[in-house]
C-alpha cells in the first residue's frame, strides 16, 4: 500500500486511520502487507536506512533513503527526503498548499516503486487518494517493458473525490510524465494535469470507502467534474465501507473516559455526561440532552447548517446543550465562537483538536450531529453508535450506509430545515427514555470492525480484471 499518511506516524484525517488499521486487518487474515509513506518531520527515524534511491524527475535529482519498522504484523517503509518532507505540516501551511506538492508526491510514488523492486515484492499495489495517482502511470508507461512489474495488480482507492491533485499542464515536465498523455482520455483535466484522474484511468480496479459514495460520485452533484469519467469506468468501480478501530474506540476500555460502560450496563455513560458538562463549563443538568460535534469546519461537513439552525428563534437546539470541538474555516470558527458568547449557559465551543476531548464528547453526548454535504464514509457516526450516542446525519455516502432508522435519524436534502427537523425528531424521541435506551443498545450492537472490510478487500484484490487500461497504454 502507498499513501501520504498513516496513523500513528502521521495523520491529518481519516486516510491515516485507514492506513493504520486496514493493513493490520489484512495481516490477521494471513496477507503479507507493507505500507510506504513519506518520512515527515514528526516521524522519528527508525535505525539505519534499508536502501537509498536516486529519483530523477526532469532535470532534478532527489536522494531518498528508505527506513522501515514493523507494527501489528505490517512492514512500514518511510521515504526520507528532507528537502521535500521535513516541513512543519504534511500538505501546506496557513491554509495554503505547498507549491511543490506535485513533486513531493511524485517522488513518493517512485520511492514506492523502489521498495517494490528491492525490498518487498508485491502481487498487488494498492494506492490511496490523489497523492499516489501517478504511481500506475509510471508502472504502465515509464516502466512498461520492465519484467519486474509484470502481472502486478493495481488497485486505487478514492477516499475523497473533492481533493483531486490538479496542477497546471506544465507540471507534467516536473513530475516526469510524457506530455503526450495530456489529453482527455489520459491525464488532462480541464486543461491541466490531474493525479486523481491518473489513478482512476490507469488502475485495474478502483474503489471508494462506502457503497453509496461509489454510486454518488458517478453523478454531477458529487462527481466534482469526474462523474462522466467514473461512469465510463463503472465496471471496475466499487465501494467498500471503511472499518473502525475498536481497540481505540470502545467505551468499555477507552483510556480517556472517567468511567467505562457497555451495552449491558449503561450507568457509566451518565457519569461521562457529567464529566463532559464539567469540562465544557455547562450547567450540570443531566436530564437535558447534549448534542455533540467533533468536526473539521468546512463546507463538506455541513457546519454552515448547524450555525443556521442554532441561530433561529424557534430552533429545536434551544432545548439542548451543544458541545463543539473543531477547527478549519475562519468564518465558521468565528460563527461558533459567537454562538458560544451569545448562549454561554447552553453552548460550549472549543477551537482546535484534542483527542481526549473528542473521546469524551462521543461518550458524554446523547446525540451526535453530522449533517455533511457529502461524506465518503465518515467515522464519527460509527464511533457514536458504539458509544451509545445516537447520530443525526444527512443521508449521504457512508452516513447512509451505516445509520438506519432503528439506530439514528437522517434527513435528505442539504438544507437547514432538514437538519432542524431531524434534530427535533431526535429530541422528541429522547423524551421516551425506555425506547431511547433500546435505540442506544441497537446502535451499540452494530459491528463495523475492520475484519469484515479487510475480507472484502481480499476479494477485490482477487477479482477478475475489468477491461480498464487506456487504449493508448503500452
Foldseek 3Di string as FASTA:
>chain_A
DEEAEAPPAADDDDVNQLNPALQLLLVVVPDAAEYEYANAQSGDADDAFPDWDWDDQQPDIFIWTWGWDDDNNYIYIHTYTCVQHHDPHRADPPPDGDPCLLLSLLVSLVVVVVCCQPPNPDLEDEEEALSNLCNLVCCQFVVVPPPSCPNRAYEYEYAALVDWAWDAQVCCSRSVGDSVQQDPLGQPDPRTGTSNVSNQQRHLAYEYAFQQLQVVCLDPLRVNRCNVVSVVVVVRYGHFHAFGDVVDQAQQDHPLAPDGAALVGLPSLLVLLQVLCVVQVADNPSLQAEEEEEDEPDQQQLLVLVLVLLPDPPFPLVSHAYEYEYYYDPVSVVSLVVSCVVVVRRYGYDYDDDPSSLSSRLSNGQEYEGAGPAHQADDSCLSNLQNLRAYEYECHHNVVVQDDPLQHFYFYDSHSVRSRVRVNVVSVVVVPPVSSSSSSSVSSPDHRHSNVSSVVVVCSSVPDGDPRHRPPTD
